[in-house]
Protein backbone atom coordinates (compact mmCIF):
# COMPACT_ATOMS: atom_id res chain seq x y z
CA UNK A 1 53.96 95.34 107.55
CA UNK A 2 52.83 91.77 106.91
CA UNK A 3 56.14 90.51 108.32
CA UNK A 4 55.41 92.14 111.66
CA UNK A 5 51.98 90.49 111.83
CA UNK A 6 53.48 87.11 110.97
CA UNK A 7 56.27 87.58 113.52
CA UNK A 8 53.73 88.44 116.22
CA UNK A 9 51.73 85.33 115.35
CA UNK A 10 54.87 83.21 115.66
CA UNK A 11 55.90 84.76 118.98
CA UNK A 12 55.93 82.82 122.22
CA UNK A 13 54.50 84.44 125.32
CA UNK A 14 56.26 84.48 128.67
CA UNK A 15 55.70 86.10 132.03
CA UNK A 16 58.25 88.77 132.91
CA UNK A 17 57.82 90.81 136.08
CA UNK A 18 54.21 89.66 136.23
CA UNK A 19 53.43 90.81 132.68
CA UNK A 20 52.68 88.46 129.79
CA UNK A 21 54.91 89.53 126.91
CA UNK A 22 55.51 88.30 123.35
CA UNK A 23 59.02 87.13 122.49
CA UNK A 24 59.95 86.76 118.82
CA UNK A 25 61.04 83.44 117.40
CA UNK A 26 64.80 83.13 116.84
CA UNK A 27 64.27 83.50 113.08
CA UNK A 28 62.18 86.65 113.45
CA UNK A 29 64.68 88.15 115.88
CA UNK A 30 67.47 87.51 113.36
CA UNK A 31 65.44 89.22 110.63
CA UNK A 32 64.76 92.23 112.84
CA UNK A 33 68.44 92.47 113.72
CA UNK A 34 69.77 92.23 110.15
CA UNK A 35 67.19 94.79 109.01
CA UNK A 36 68.45 97.23 111.66
CA UNK A 37 72.05 96.40 110.77
CA UNK A 38 73.86 98.26 113.55
CA UNK A 39 77.04 96.64 114.88
CA UNK A 40 75.29 95.62 118.12
CA UNK A 41 72.37 94.14 116.15
CA UNK A 42 74.76 92.10 114.04
CA UNK A 43 76.46 90.76 117.16
CA UNK A 44 73.05 89.86 118.56
CA UNK A 45 72.03 88.13 115.32
CA UNK A 46 75.27 86.14 115.35
CA UNK A 47 74.59 85.10 118.93
CA UNK A 48 71.11 83.87 118.04
CA UNK A 49 72.54 81.86 115.14
CA UNK A 50 75.21 80.34 117.39
CA UNK A 51 72.67 79.43 120.05
CA UNK A 52 69.99 77.96 117.77
CA UNK A 53 72.19 76.73 114.91
CA UNK A 54 70.70 73.75 113.13
CA UNK A 55 67.26 74.32 114.68
CA UNK A 56 66.81 77.51 112.66
CA UNK A 57 64.30 77.43 109.84
CA UNK A 58 66.55 78.69 107.05
CA UNK A 59 63.76 78.43 104.52
CA UNK A 60 61.61 80.78 106.60
CA UNK A 61 64.50 83.24 106.88
CA UNK A 62 64.94 83.29 103.11
CA UNK A 63 61.24 83.36 102.23
CA UNK A 64 60.65 86.22 104.64
CA UNK A 65 63.72 88.45 104.25
CA UNK A 66 64.27 88.27 100.50
CA UNK A 67 60.87 89.82 99.54
CA UNK A 68 61.39 92.61 102.10
CA UNK A 69 64.76 93.41 100.52
CA UNK A 70 63.37 93.24 97.00
CA UNK A 71 60.46 95.52 97.89
CA UNK A 72 62.86 98.03 99.46
CA UNK A 73 65.23 97.61 96.49
CA UNK A 74 68.02 97.11 99.01
CA UNK A 75 69.68 93.71 99.34
CA UNK A 76 71.98 94.88 102.14
CA UNK A 77 70.02 93.04 104.87
CA UNK A 78 70.15 89.88 102.74
CA UNK A 79 73.94 90.19 102.54
CA UNK A 80 74.08 90.72 106.30
CA UNK A 81 72.05 87.56 106.86
CA UNK A 82 74.38 85.56 104.63
CA UNK A 83 77.41 86.81 106.59
CA UNK A 84 75.80 85.97 109.93
CA UNK A 85 74.89 82.46 108.78
CA UNK A 86 78.31 81.85 107.20
CA UNK A 87 80.12 82.96 110.35
CA UNK A 88 78.44 80.15 112.29
CA UNK A 89 79.37 77.48 109.77
């Protein structure tokens, strides 16, 4: 998916146990979590929003998630994102 390629390009790389690994941006992690939608994922997404708050690129979240939902003809992840963002405010 184009989103996955974009997310990988936005990732930061860190050493973990001697291995260089990509870590998603907070925004991309939120998108991945609301797409999965399990209870644990939603808790994780809420935690990312709480931690990064005003530093989040809300425009990127919208411009990335909305087309995915429209293509899938399922706006459920969009609704999940709105709930996660509203819970922090």
